[in-house]
Amino acid sequence: MKQSRAEMLRDLIEQEIVTGAFAPGQRLDEVMLAERFGVSRTPVREALRQLAATELVEIKPHRGVFVRVIPIPEMLNMFEVMSELEGMCARLAARRRTEEQLRELDEARAECEATLATGDADEYYYANERFHSLLYAASGNPFLARMASSLQTRLKPFRRLQLRVPGRMGSSSDEHAAIVDAVRSGDAAEAERLAGSHVTVQGDRFSDFLAAVAMPLASA
């Protein structure tokens, strides 16, 4: 799917934030961003609005737009809810998916796997985003799909950071394959367990997550 200029800018600015180029609390000036990316201020303004919807930045009236400082407990709370939503989507998908939806889900899984050869975390990130969106749609519950997509949007920058943890892309791809197998076989309980675990941040994954979050802060 072709992105609009504002969407491309949103992803570029998001990338700058999560990699530490723009530090927590930093003011994001529209003129500076327009010059940095060689565009007019209109798509910059729209990109910042989209980022504000994910709460990665905060728009303060009469003051400007600032990179938001998001406390670790808040992020973990969001991941906890995301785990439940992902699990529910997978459980319903195992019961309701169509053959066409299964084919598309497996194609998205294969696309994720194919990106491992390049080791490009951003390439994997976009393929991964498509996989999860298709899983939500396969639940057959449009309201649930919208809820999951909304929270996925808010967690995008942190899920992007997770993929920079060594070995995470490979394990994520393996988990996708297991989820697809459970959905294909109609094992709703197993699909729910696997999908929920896929986005859970606990144990060693919690430590890795904290390390990934700390990297941009240390370089700011």
N, C-alpha and C. Protein backbone atom coordinates (compact mmCIF):
# COMPACT_ATOMS: atom_id res chain seq x y z
N MET A 1 0.84 -1.19 0.00
CA MET A 1 0.00 0.00 0.00
C MET A 1 0.88 1.24 0.00
N LYS A 2 0.65 2.15 -0.94
CA LYS A 2 1.46 3.35 -1.05
C LYS A 2 1.11 4.33 0.07
N GLN A 3 2.13 4.87 0.70
CA GLN A 3 1.91 5.82 1.78
C GLN A 3 1.82 7.24 1.24
N SER A 4 1.03 8.07 1.93
CA SER A 4 0.99 9.49 1.60
C SER A 4 2.27 10.14 2.10
N ARG A 5 2.52 11.36 1.66
CA ARG A 5 3.73 12.05 2.11
C ARG A 5 3.71 12.26 3.62
N ALA A 6 2.53 12.58 4.16
CA ALA A 6 2.42 12.78 5.61
C ALA A 6 2.71 11.48 6.35
N GLU A 7 2.25 10.36 5.84
CA GLU A 7 2.49 9.07 6.49
C GLU A 7 3.97 8.71 6.45
N MET A 8 4.63 9.00 5.32
CA MET A 8 6.06 8.74 5.23
C MET A 8 6.83 9.60 6.22
N LEU A 9 6.42 10.87 6.33
CA LEU A 9 7.05 11.77 7.29
C LEU A 9 6.82 11.30 8.72
N ARG A 10 5.60 10.85 8.98
CA ARG A 10 5.29 10.33 10.32
C ARG A 10 6.25 9.22 10.69
N ASP A 11 6.48 8.29 9.77
CA ASP A 11 7.38 7.18 10.05
C ASP A 11 8.82 7.64 10.21
N LEU A 12 9.23 8.63 9.43
CA LEU A 12 10.60 9.15 9.53
C LEU A 12 10.82 9.85 10.87
N ILE A 13 9.85 10.66 11.27
CA ILE A 13 9.97 11.37 12.55
C ILE A 13 9.91 10.37 13.69
N GLU A 14 9.01 9.39 13.59
CA GLU A 14 8.92 8.33 14.60
C GLU A 14 10.27 7.63 14.74
N GLN A 15 10.90 7.33 13.61
CA GLN A 15 12.19 6.66 13.63
C GLN A 15 13.24 7.52 14.33
N GLU A 16 13.21 8.82 14.08
CA GLU A 16 14.16 9.73 14.71
C GLU A 16 13.95 9.77 16.22
N ILE A 17 12.69 9.66 16.64
CA ILE A 17 12.39 9.69 18.08
C ILE A 17 12.87 8.41 18.76
N VAL A 18 12.51 7.26 18.17
CA VAL A 18 12.84 6.00 18.84
C VAL A 18 14.33 5.68 18.79
N THR A 19 15.06 6.29 17.87
CA THR A 19 16.51 6.05 17.82
C THR A 19 17.30 7.12 18.55
N GLY A 20 16.59 8.10 19.14
CA GLY A 20 17.25 9.08 19.98
C GLY A 20 17.69 10.36 19.30
N ALA A 21 17.45 10.48 17.98
CA ALA A 21 17.82 11.71 17.29
C ALA A 21 17.01 12.90 17.83
N PHE A 22 15.75 12.63 18.18
CA PHE A 22 14.92 13.61 18.88
C PHE A 22 14.69 13.08 20.29
N ALA A 23 15.13 13.82 21.27
CA ALA A 23 15.10 13.34 22.65
C ALA A 23 13.76 13.59 23.33
N PRO A 24 13.41 12.79 24.37
CA PRO A 24 12.20 13.03 25.14
C PRO A 24 12.19 14.45 25.68
N GLY A 25 11.07 15.15 25.50
CA GLY A 25 10.93 16.53 25.96
C GLY A 25 11.37 17.57 24.94
N GLN A 26 12.00 17.12 23.84
CA GLN A 26 12.47 18.07 22.83
C GLN A 26 11.31 18.66 22.04
N ARG A 27 11.39 19.95 21.73
CA ARG A 27 10.38 20.61 20.91
C ARG A 27 10.65 20.32 19.44
N LEU A 28 9.60 19.94 18.72
CA LEU A 28 9.72 19.64 17.30
C LEU A 28 9.15 20.82 16.51
N ASP A 29 10.03 21.59 15.92
CA ASP A 29 9.65 22.79 15.19
C ASP A 29 9.27 22.43 13.75
N GLU A 30 8.11 22.90 13.29
CA GLU A 30 7.63 22.56 11.95
C GLU A 30 8.59 23.04 10.87
N VAL A 31 9.12 24.24 11.03
CA VAL A 31 10.03 24.79 10.02
C VAL A 31 11.30 23.94 9.95
N MET A 32 11.84 23.58 11.11
CA MET A 32 13.04 22.76 11.15
C MET A 32 12.81 21.41 10.48
N LEU A 33 11.65 20.79 10.79
CA LEU A 33 11.34 19.49 10.21
C LEU A 33 11.13 19.59 8.70
N ALA A 34 10.47 20.65 8.26
CA ALA A 34 10.24 20.84 6.82
C ALA A 34 11.57 20.97 6.08
N GLU A 35 12.50 21.70 6.66
CA GLU A 35 13.81 21.87 6.05
C GLU A 35 14.61 20.57 6.10
N ARG A 36 14.51 19.87 7.19
CA ARG A 36 15.27 18.62 7.37
C ARG A 36 14.87 17.57 6.34
N PHE A 37 13.56 17.50 6.07
CA PHE A 37 13.07 16.46 5.17
C PHE A 37 12.73 16.99 3.77
N GLY A 38 12.97 18.28 3.54
CA GLY A 38 12.77 18.84 2.21
C GLY A 38 11.34 18.86 1.73
N VAL A 39 10.43 19.23 2.62
CA VAL A 39 9.01 19.27 2.26
C VAL A 39 8.42 20.58 2.78
N SER A 40 7.14 20.79 2.45
CA SER A 40 6.45 21.97 2.96
C SER A 40 5.97 21.68 4.39
N ARG A 41 5.46 22.69 5.05
CA ARG A 41 5.02 22.52 6.43
C ARG A 41 3.70 21.76 6.53
N THR A 42 2.90 21.72 5.45
CA THR A 42 1.59 21.07 5.51
C THR A 42 1.69 19.58 5.84
N PRO A 43 2.49 18.77 5.11
CA PRO A 43 2.59 17.35 5.49
C PRO A 43 3.27 17.15 6.84
N VAL A 44 4.17 18.07 7.22
CA VAL A 44 4.80 17.99 8.54
C VAL A 44 3.74 18.14 9.63
N ARG A 45 2.86 19.12 9.44
CA ARG A 45 1.80 19.36 10.43
C ARG A 45 0.90 18.13 10.56
N GLU A 46 0.55 17.51 9.42
CA GLU A 46 -0.30 16.33 9.45
C GLU A 46 0.43 15.15 10.10
N ALA A 47 1.72 15.00 9.81
CA ALA A 47 2.50 13.91 10.40
C ALA A 47 2.55 14.06 11.92
N LEU A 48 2.71 15.28 12.39
CA LEU A 48 2.75 15.52 13.84
C LEU A 48 1.40 15.23 14.48
N ARG A 49 0.32 15.53 13.77
CA ARG A 49 -1.02 15.21 14.28
C ARG A 49 -1.17 13.69 14.42
N GLN A 50 -0.66 12.95 13.44
CA GLN A 50 -0.75 11.50 13.50
C GLN A 50 0.08 10.95 14.65
N LEU A 51 1.24 11.53 14.87
CA LEU A 51 2.08 11.09 15.98
C LEU A 51 1.45 11.44 17.33
N ALA A 52 0.74 12.56 17.37
CA ALA A 52 0.05 12.94 18.60
C ALA A 52 -1.05 11.92 18.93
N ALA A 53 -1.66 11.34 17.89
CA ALA A 53 -2.70 10.34 18.11
C ALA A 53 -2.13 9.08 18.75
N THR A 54 -0.83 8.81 18.53
CA THR A 54 -0.19 7.66 19.15
C THR A 54 0.40 8.02 20.50
N GLU A 55 0.31 9.31 20.86
CA GLU A 55 0.84 9.85 22.11
C GLU A 55 2.36 9.77 22.19
N LEU A 56 3.01 9.67 21.02
CA LEU A 56 4.47 9.71 20.99
C LEU A 56 4.95 11.15 21.11
N VAL A 57 4.12 12.08 20.64
CA VAL A 57 4.40 13.51 20.83
C VAL A 57 3.19 14.14 21.49
N GLU A 58 3.41 15.31 22.06
CA GLU A 58 2.33 16.03 22.74
C GLU A 58 2.23 17.44 22.16
N ILE A 59 1.03 17.83 21.75
CA ILE A 59 0.81 19.18 21.23
C ILE A 59 0.34 20.06 22.38
N LYS A 60 1.15 21.05 22.71
CA LYS A 60 0.82 21.97 23.80
C LYS A 60 0.40 23.31 23.21
N PRO A 61 -0.86 23.72 23.41
CA PRO A 61 -1.37 24.98 22.85
C PRO A 61 -0.46 26.16 23.15
N HIS A 62 -0.18 26.93 22.11
CA HIS A 62 0.63 28.15 22.20
C HIS A 62 2.10 27.89 22.55
N ARG A 63 2.47 26.61 22.63
CA ARG A 63 3.88 26.30 22.96
C ARG A 63 4.54 25.47 21.88
N GLY A 64 3.78 24.59 21.24
CA GLY A 64 4.36 23.78 20.18
C GLY A 64 4.16 22.29 20.40
N VAL A 65 4.96 21.50 19.67
CA VAL A 65 4.88 20.04 19.73
C VAL A 65 6.15 19.52 20.37
N PHE A 66 5.99 18.61 21.33
CA PHE A 66 7.12 18.10 22.09
C PHE A 66 7.13 16.56 22.08
N VAL A 67 8.32 15.98 22.04
CA VAL A 67 8.45 14.53 22.17
C VAL A 67 8.00 14.16 23.57
N ARG A 68 7.06 13.25 23.65
CA ARG A 68 6.49 12.90 24.95
C ARG A 68 7.37 11.91 25.70
N VAL A 69 7.48 12.11 26.98
CA VAL A 69 8.17 11.16 27.85
C VAL A 69 7.11 10.18 28.35
N ILE A 70 7.21 8.91 27.92
CA ILE A 70 6.22 7.91 28.29
C ILE A 70 6.81 7.00 29.37
N PRO A 71 6.24 6.99 30.56
CA PRO A 71 6.78 6.16 31.65
C PRO A 71 6.73 4.67 31.29
N ILE A 72 7.73 3.93 31.74
CA ILE A 72 7.80 2.49 31.49
C ILE A 72 6.53 1.77 31.96
N PRO A 73 5.99 2.07 33.17
CA PRO A 73 4.77 1.38 33.60
C PRO A 73 3.60 1.57 32.62
N GLU A 74 3.48 2.77 32.04
CA GLU A 74 2.41 3.01 31.08
C GLU A 74 2.58 2.14 29.84
N MET A 75 3.83 2.03 29.36
CA MET A 75 4.08 1.19 28.19
C MET A 75 3.74 -0.27 28.49
N LEU A 76 4.13 -0.74 29.66
CA LEU A 76 3.86 -2.13 30.03
C LEU A 76 2.37 -2.39 30.17
N ASN A 77 1.63 -1.41 30.68
CA ASN A 77 0.18 -1.54 30.76
C ASN A 77 -0.43 -1.70 29.38
N MET A 78 0.07 -0.91 28.43
CA MET A 78 -0.45 -1.00 27.06
C MET A 78 -0.12 -2.35 26.44
N PHE A 79 1.10 -2.86 26.67
CA PHE A 79 1.46 -4.17 26.14
C PHE A 79 0.61 -5.27 26.76
N GLU A 80 0.25 -5.12 28.02
CA GLU A 80 -0.58 -6.11 28.69
C GLU A 80 -1.96 -6.21 28.02
N VAL A 81 -2.54 -5.05 27.73
CA VAL A 81 -3.84 -5.02 27.05
C VAL A 81 -3.69 -5.54 25.62
N MET A 82 -2.59 -5.15 24.95
CA MET A 82 -2.37 -5.59 23.58
C MET A 82 -2.28 -7.11 23.50
N SER A 83 -1.65 -7.71 24.50
CA SER A 83 -1.54 -9.16 24.54
C SER A 83 -2.91 -9.83 24.58
N GLU A 84 -3.81 -9.26 25.37
CA GLU A 84 -5.17 -9.82 25.46
C GLU A 84 -5.93 -9.65 24.15
N LEU A 85 -5.80 -8.47 23.54
CA LEU A 85 -6.51 -8.22 22.28
C LEU A 85 -5.98 -9.11 21.16
N GLU A 86 -4.66 -9.26 21.09
CA GLU A 86 -4.06 -10.13 20.07
C GLU A 86 -4.54 -11.56 20.25
N GLY A 87 -4.55 -12.00 21.49
CA GLY A 87 -5.00 -13.36 21.77
C GLY A 87 -6.44 -13.58 21.36
N MET A 88 -7.29 -12.62 21.66
CA MET A 88 -8.70 -12.73 21.31
C MET A 88 -8.88 -12.76 19.78
N CYS A 89 -8.13 -11.91 19.09
CA CYS A 89 -8.20 -11.89 17.62
C CYS A 89 -7.82 -13.24 17.04
N ALA A 90 -6.74 -13.82 17.56
CA ALA A 90 -6.26 -15.10 17.04
C ALA A 90 -7.26 -16.22 17.35
N ARG A 91 -7.83 -16.18 18.55
CA ARG A 91 -8.82 -17.21 18.93
C ARG A 91 -10.02 -17.18 17.99
N LEU A 92 -10.53 -15.99 17.72
CA LEU A 92 -11.67 -15.88 16.82
C LEU A 92 -11.28 -16.19 15.38
N ALA A 93 -10.07 -15.82 15.00
CA ALA A 93 -9.61 -16.10 13.64
C ALA A 93 -9.54 -17.61 13.39
N ALA A 94 -9.14 -18.37 14.41
CA ALA A 94 -9.06 -19.82 14.27
C ALA A 94 -10.44 -20.43 14.03
N ARG A 95 -11.47 -19.76 14.50
CA ARG A 95 -12.84 -20.25 14.34
C ARG A 95 -13.54 -19.70 13.11
N ARG A 96 -13.15 -18.48 12.68
CA ARG A 96 -13.96 -17.78 11.68
C ARG A 96 -13.25 -17.47 10.36
N ARG A 97 -11.94 -17.62 10.32
CA ARG A 97 -11.20 -17.17 9.14
C ARG A 97 -11.70 -17.88 7.87
N THR A 98 -11.61 -17.16 6.77
CA THR A 98 -11.92 -17.74 5.48
C THR A 98 -10.63 -18.28 4.87
N GLU A 99 -10.76 -19.07 3.82
CA GLU A 99 -9.57 -19.58 3.14
C GLU A 99 -8.75 -18.44 2.55
N GLU A 100 -9.42 -17.42 2.04
CA GLU A 100 -8.72 -16.27 1.49
C GLU A 100 -7.95 -15.53 2.58
N GLN A 101 -8.56 -15.36 3.72
CA GLN A 101 -7.87 -14.68 4.83
C GLN A 101 -6.68 -15.49 5.30
N LEU A 102 -6.83 -16.81 5.33
CA LEU A 102 -5.72 -17.66 5.74
C LEU A 102 -4.57 -17.55 4.74
N ARG A 103 -4.91 -17.52 3.45
CA ARG A 103 -3.88 -17.39 2.42
C ARG A 103 -3.13 -16.07 2.57
N GLU A 104 -3.87 -14.98 2.80
CA GLU A 104 -3.23 -13.67 2.95
C GLU A 104 -2.36 -13.63 4.20
N LEU A 105 -2.84 -14.24 5.28
CA LEU A 105 -2.07 -14.27 6.53
C LEU A 105 -0.76 -15.04 6.33
N ASP A 106 -0.84 -16.16 5.61
CA ASP A 106 0.36 -16.95 5.37
C ASP A 106 1.32 -16.21 4.44
N GLU A 107 0.80 -15.47 3.48
CA GLU A 107 1.65 -14.67 2.60
C GLU A 107 2.38 -13.59 3.40
N ALA A 108 1.67 -12.96 4.34
CA ALA A 108 2.29 -11.94 5.18
C ALA A 108 3.36 -12.57 6.06
N ARG A 109 3.09 -13.77 6.56
CA ARG A 109 4.09 -14.50 7.36
C ARG A 109 5.35 -14.75 6.54
N ALA A 110 5.14 -15.20 5.29
CA ALA A 110 6.27 -15.48 4.39
C ALA A 110 7.04 -14.20 4.06
N GLU A 111 6.34 -13.10 3.94
CA GLU A 111 6.99 -11.82 3.67
C GLU A 111 7.89 -11.42 4.84
N CYS A 112 7.41 -11.63 6.06
CA CYS A 112 8.23 -11.36 7.23
C CYS A 112 9.48 -12.22 7.22
N GLU A 113 9.29 -13.50 6.92
CA GLU A 113 10.41 -14.43 6.91
C GLU A 113 11.44 -14.04 5.85
N ALA A 114 10.97 -13.58 4.71
CA ALA A 114 11.87 -13.21 3.61
C ALA A 114 12.76 -12.03 3.97
N THR A 115 12.26 -11.13 4.83
CA THR A 115 13.06 -9.95 5.18
C THR A 115 14.23 -10.30 6.10
N LEU A 116 14.20 -11.49 6.69
CA LEU A 116 15.28 -11.87 7.61
C LEU A 116 16.63 -11.94 6.90
N ALA A 117 16.58 -12.23 5.60
CA ALA A 117 17.83 -12.35 4.84
C ALA A 117 18.59 -11.03 4.80
N THR A 118 17.88 -9.92 4.82
CA THR A 118 18.53 -8.60 4.75
C THR A 118 18.88 -8.08 6.13
N GLY A 119 18.19 -8.56 7.16
CA GLY A 119 18.43 -8.08 8.51
C GLY A 119 17.95 -6.66 8.73
N ASP A 120 17.08 -6.17 7.82
CA ASP A 120 16.57 -4.80 7.90
C ASP A 120 15.38 -4.76 8.85
N ALA A 121 15.58 -4.16 10.03
CA ALA A 121 14.52 -4.13 11.04
C ALA A 121 13.31 -3.33 10.57
N ASP A 122 13.54 -2.26 9.80
CA ASP A 122 12.42 -1.45 9.33
C ASP A 122 11.60 -2.20 8.29
N GLU A 123 12.28 -2.94 7.41
CA GLU A 123 11.57 -3.74 6.40
C GLU A 123 10.72 -4.80 7.09
N TYR A 124 11.29 -5.44 8.09
CA TYR A 124 10.53 -6.44 8.84
C TYR A 124 9.35 -5.80 9.56
N TYR A 125 9.58 -4.62 10.09
CA TYR A 125 8.56 -3.90 10.84
C TYR A 125 7.29 -3.70 10.02
N TYR A 126 7.44 -3.29 8.76
CA TYR A 126 6.27 -3.04 7.93
C TYR A 126 5.58 -4.35 7.53
N ALA A 127 6.36 -5.38 7.26
CA ALA A 127 5.77 -6.68 6.95
C ALA A 127 5.03 -7.23 8.17
N ASN A 128 5.62 -7.03 9.35
CA ASN A 128 5.02 -7.47 10.60
C ASN A 128 3.71 -6.74 10.87
N GLU A 129 3.69 -5.45 10.56
CA GLU A 129 2.48 -4.65 10.75
C GLU A 129 1.34 -5.21 9.89
N ARG A 130 1.65 -5.59 8.66
CA ARG A 130 0.64 -6.16 7.77
C ARG A 130 0.13 -7.50 8.31
N PHE A 131 1.04 -8.32 8.83
CA PHE A 131 0.64 -9.62 9.38
C PHE A 131 -0.39 -9.44 10.50
N HIS A 132 -0.09 -8.52 11.40
CA HIS A 132 -1.00 -8.33 12.54
C HIS A 132 -2.33 -7.73 12.11
N SER A 133 -2.31 -6.82 11.16
CA SER A 133 -3.56 -6.23 10.68
C SER A 133 -4.45 -7.30 10.05
N LEU A 134 -3.85 -8.22 9.32
CA LEU A 134 -4.62 -9.30 8.70
C LEU A 134 -5.18 -10.25 9.75
N LEU A 135 -4.41 -10.47 10.82
CA LEU A 135 -4.90 -11.33 11.90
C LEU A 135 -6.12 -10.69 12.57
N TYR A 136 -6.07 -9.38 12.77
CA TYR A 136 -7.22 -8.69 13.37
C TYR A 136 -8.46 -8.83 12.49
N ALA A 137 -8.27 -8.63 11.19
CA ALA A 137 -9.40 -8.70 10.25
C ALA A 137 -9.99 -10.11 10.22
N ALA A 138 -9.12 -11.12 10.35
CA ALA A 138 -9.58 -12.51 10.29
C ALA A 138 -10.41 -12.90 11.50
N SER A 139 -10.42 -12.07 12.54
CA SER A 139 -11.23 -12.37 13.73
C SER A 139 -12.72 -12.34 13.41
N GLY A 140 -13.08 -11.63 12.33
CA GLY A 140 -14.49 -11.53 11.97
C GLY A 140 -15.27 -10.60 12.87
N ASN A 141 -14.56 -9.82 13.69
CA ASN A 141 -15.19 -8.87 14.60
C ASN A 141 -14.61 -7.49 14.33
N PRO A 142 -15.28 -6.69 13.50
CA PRO A 142 -14.74 -5.38 13.11
C PRO A 142 -14.45 -4.45 14.30
N PHE A 143 -15.28 -4.52 15.33
CA PHE A 143 -15.04 -3.66 16.49
C PHE A 143 -13.74 -4.05 17.19
N LEU A 144 -13.55 -5.34 17.40
CA LEU A 144 -12.32 -5.83 18.01
C LEU A 144 -11.11 -5.47 17.15
N ALA A 145 -11.26 -5.62 15.84
CA ALA A 145 -10.15 -5.29 14.92
C ALA A 145 -9.77 -3.82 15.04
N ARG A 146 -10.78 -2.94 15.16
CA ARG A 146 -10.50 -1.51 15.30
C ARG A 146 -9.79 -1.22 16.62
N MET A 147 -10.23 -1.87 17.70
CA MET A 147 -9.60 -1.68 19.01
C MET A 147 -8.14 -2.13 18.97
N ALA A 148 -7.91 -3.30 18.38
CA ALA A 148 -6.55 -3.83 18.31
C ALA A 148 -5.67 -2.94 17.44
N SER A 149 -6.21 -2.49 16.32
CA SER A 149 -5.44 -1.63 15.42
C SER A 149 -5.10 -0.30 16.08
N SER A 150 -6.04 0.24 16.86
CA SER A 150 -5.81 1.51 17.54
C SER A 150 -4.68 1.39 18.55
N LEU A 151 -4.69 0.32 19.33
CA LEU A 151 -3.63 0.15 20.32
C LEU A 151 -2.31 -0.20 19.64
N GLN A 152 -2.39 -0.96 18.55
CA GLN A 152 -1.18 -1.27 17.79
C GLN A 152 -0.51 0.02 17.32
N THR A 153 -1.32 0.98 16.88
CA THR A 153 -0.79 2.26 16.42
C THR A 153 -0.05 2.98 17.55
N ARG A 154 -0.62 2.95 18.73
CA ARG A 154 0.01 3.63 19.88
C ARG A 154 1.31 2.94 20.30
N LEU A 155 1.40 1.64 20.04
CA LEU A 155 2.59 0.90 20.45
C LEU A 155 3.63 0.78 19.34
N LYS A 156 3.34 1.32 18.17
CA LYS A 156 4.24 1.17 17.02
C LYS A 156 5.69 1.49 17.32
N PRO A 157 5.99 2.65 17.92
CA PRO A 157 7.41 2.96 18.13
C PRO A 157 8.12 1.98 19.04
N PHE A 158 7.41 1.43 20.02
CA PHE A 158 8.03 0.51 20.96
C PHE A 158 8.18 -0.88 20.36
N ARG A 159 7.23 -1.26 19.51
CA ARG A 159 7.37 -2.54 18.82
C ARG A 159 8.50 -2.45 17.80
N ARG A 160 8.69 -1.26 17.23
CA ARG A 160 9.81 -1.06 16.32
C ARG A 160 11.13 -1.24 17.08
N LEU A 161 11.20 -0.69 18.29
CA LEU A 161 12.41 -0.83 19.10
C LEU A 161 12.68 -2.29 19.46
N GLN A 162 11.63 -3.03 19.76
CA GLN A 162 11.79 -4.44 20.11
C GLN A 162 12.50 -5.22 19.01
N LEU A 163 12.20 -4.86 17.77
CA LEU A 163 12.78 -5.59 16.65
C LEU A 163 14.27 -5.33 16.49
N ARG A 164 14.79 -4.33 17.20
CA ARG A 164 16.22 -4.05 17.14
C ARG A 164 17.02 -4.87 18.15
N VAL A 165 16.30 -5.59 19.00
CA VAL A 165 16.97 -6.48 19.94
C VAL A 165 17.54 -7.66 19.15
N PRO A 166 18.83 -8.00 19.30
CA PRO A 166 19.43 -9.11 18.55
C PRO A 166 18.62 -10.40 18.66
N GLY A 167 18.30 -10.98 17.51
CA GLY A 167 17.58 -12.25 17.47
C GLY A 167 16.08 -12.13 17.52
N ARG A 168 15.54 -10.92 17.80
CA ARG A 168 14.11 -10.79 17.97
C ARG A 168 13.35 -10.99 16.67
N MET A 169 13.90 -10.52 15.55
CA MET A 169 13.19 -10.70 14.28
C MET A 169 13.02 -12.18 13.95
N GLY A 170 14.07 -12.96 14.18
CA GLY A 170 13.99 -14.39 13.90
C GLY A 170 12.97 -15.08 14.78
N SER A 171 12.97 -14.78 16.07
CA SER A 171 12.01 -15.42 16.97
C SER A 171 10.59 -14.95 16.66
N SER A 172 10.45 -13.67 16.28
CA SER A 172 9.13 -13.15 15.92
C SER A 172 8.58 -13.89 14.71
N SER A 173 9.44 -14.13 13.72
CA SER A 173 9.01 -14.84 12.51
C SER A 173 8.58 -16.26 12.84
N ASP A 174 9.34 -16.94 13.72
CA ASP A 174 8.97 -18.29 14.13
C ASP A 174 7.61 -18.30 14.84
N GLU A 175 7.38 -17.28 15.65
CA GLU A 175 6.10 -17.18 16.36
C GLU A 175 4.95 -16.95 15.40
N HIS A 176 5.19 -16.16 14.35
CA HIS A 176 4.16 -15.97 13.32
C HIS A 176 3.77 -17.31 12.70
N ALA A 177 4.78 -18.12 12.39
CA ALA A 177 4.51 -19.41 11.76
C ALA A 177 3.65 -20.29 12.66
N ALA A 178 3.94 -20.29 13.96
CA ALA A 178 3.16 -21.10 14.89
C ALA A 178 1.73 -20.60 15.01
N ILE A 179 1.56 -19.28 14.99
CA ILE A 179 0.22 -18.69 15.06
C ILE A 179 -0.59 -19.09 13.83
N VAL A 180 0.02 -18.99 12.65
CA VAL A 180 -0.68 -19.36 11.42
C VAL A 180 -1.06 -20.83 11.44
N ASP A 181 -0.18 -21.69 11.92
CA ASP A 181 -0.49 -23.12 12.00
C ASP A 181 -1.69 -23.37 12.90
N ALA A 182 -1.75 -22.67 14.03
CA ALA A 182 -2.87 -22.85 14.96
C ALA A 182 -4.17 -22.34 14.35
N VAL A 183 -4.10 -21.21 13.66
CA VAL A 183 -5.29 -20.68 13.00
C VAL A 183 -5.75 -21.63 11.90
N ARG A 184 -4.79 -22.15 11.15
CA ARG A 184 -5.13 -23.07 10.05
C ARG A 184 -5.80 -24.33 10.58
N SER A 185 -5.31 -24.85 11.70
CA SER A 185 -5.86 -26.10 12.24
C SER A 185 -7.15 -25.89 13.02
N GLY A 186 -7.49 -24.62 13.27
CA GLY A 186 -8.71 -24.33 14.02
C GLY A 186 -8.56 -24.51 15.52
N ASP A 187 -7.32 -24.53 16.01
CA ASP A 187 -7.07 -24.68 17.44
C ASP A 187 -7.15 -23.30 18.09
N ALA A 188 -8.34 -22.91 18.49
CA ALA A 188 -8.58 -21.57 19.00
C ALA A 188 -7.79 -21.28 20.28
N ALA A 189 -7.74 -22.25 21.19
CA ALA A 189 -7.05 -22.04 22.46
C ALA A 189 -5.55 -21.84 22.24
N GLU A 190 -4.97 -22.64 21.37
CA GLU A 190 -3.54 -22.53 21.09
C GLU A 190 -3.23 -21.24 20.34
N ALA A 191 -4.09 -20.87 19.40
CA ALA A 191 -3.89 -19.61 18.66
C ALA A 191 -3.91 -18.43 19.62
N GLU A 192 -4.84 -18.45 20.58
CA GLU A 192 -4.93 -17.38 21.56
C GLU A 192 -3.67 -17.33 22.42
N ARG A 193 -3.22 -18.49 22.88
CA ARG A 193 -2.03 -18.53 23.74
C ARG A 193 -0.80 -18.01 23.00
N LEU A 194 -0.62 -18.45 21.78
CA LEU A 194 0.56 -18.07 21.01
C LEU A 194 0.56 -16.58 20.66
N ALA A 195 -0.59 -16.07 20.24
CA ALA A 195 -0.67 -14.67 19.85
C ALA A 195 -0.50 -13.75 21.05
N GLY A 196 -1.06 -14.15 22.19
CA GLY A 196 -0.90 -13.34 23.40
C GLY A 196 0.55 -13.31 23.85
N SER A 197 1.20 -14.47 23.81
CA SER A 197 2.60 -14.57 24.21
C SER A 197 3.51 -13.79 23.27
N HIS A 198 3.10 -13.71 22.01
CA HIS A 198 3.89 -13.05 20.97
C HIS A 198 4.18 -11.59 21.30
N VAL A 199 3.24 -10.91 21.95
CA VAL A 199 3.44 -9.49 22.25
C VAL A 199 3.63 -9.22 23.75
N THR A 200 3.67 -10.27 24.55
CA THR A 200 3.87 -10.09 25.99
C THR A 200 5.30 -9.65 26.26
N VAL A 201 5.46 -8.69 27.17
CA VAL A 201 6.79 -8.23 27.57
C VAL A 201 7.01 -8.68 29.01
N GLN A 202 7.72 -9.81 29.17
CA GLN A 202 7.98 -10.34 30.50
C GLN A 202 9.24 -11.21 30.45
N GLY A 203 9.75 -11.56 31.61
CA GLY A 203 10.94 -12.40 31.67
C GLY A 203 12.13 -11.75 30.98
N ASP A 204 12.88 -12.56 30.22
CA ASP A 204 14.03 -12.05 29.48
C ASP A 204 13.62 -10.99 28.48
N ARG A 205 12.44 -11.16 27.90
CA ARG A 205 11.97 -10.18 26.91
C ARG A 205 11.76 -8.81 27.56
N PHE A 206 11.38 -8.80 28.83
CA PHE A 206 11.23 -7.53 29.55
C PHE A 206 12.57 -6.83 29.67
N SER A 207 13.61 -7.58 30.03
CA SER A 207 14.95 -6.99 30.15
C SER A 207 15.44 -6.47 28.81
N ASP A 208 15.20 -7.24 27.76
CA ASP A 208 15.60 -6.81 26.42
C ASP A 208 14.86 -5.54 26.01
N PHE A 209 13.58 -5.50 26.37
CA PHE A 209 12.77 -4.33 26.03
C PHE A 209 13.30 -3.08 26.72
N LEU A 210 13.61 -3.21 28.00
CA LEU A 210 14.14 -2.07 28.74
C LEU A 210 15.47 -1.60 28.15
N ALA A 211 16.29 -2.56 27.74
CA ALA A 211 17.57 -2.20 27.13
C ALA A 211 17.36 -1.46 25.81
N ALA A 212 16.37 -1.91 25.02
CA ALA A 212 16.09 -1.27 23.74
C ALA A 212 15.56 0.14 23.95
N VAL A 213 14.71 0.33 24.95
CA VAL A 213 14.17 1.65 25.25
C VAL A 213 15.28 2.57 25.76
N ALA A 214 16.20 2.02 26.52
CA ALA A 214 17.26 2.83 27.11
C ALA A 214 18.27 3.32 26.09
N MET A 215 18.44 2.59 24.99
CA MET A 215 19.45 2.97 24.00
C MET A 215 19.25 4.38 23.44
N PRO A 216 18.03 4.75 22.99
CA PRO A 216 17.85 6.11 22.50
C PRO A 216 18.06 7.16 23.59
N LEU A 217 17.66 6.85 24.83
CA LEU A 217 17.80 7.79 25.93
C LEU A 217 19.27 8.04 26.24
N ALA A 218 20.09 6.99 26.13
CA ALA A 218 21.50 7.12 26.44
C ALA A 218 22.23 7.94 25.38
N SER A 219 21.71 7.88 24.13
CA SER A 219 22.38 8.60 23.05
C SER A 219 21.86 10.00 22.88
N ALA A 220 20.78 10.36 23.62
CA ALA A 220 20.18 11.69 23.46
C ALA A 220 21.07 12.77 24.04
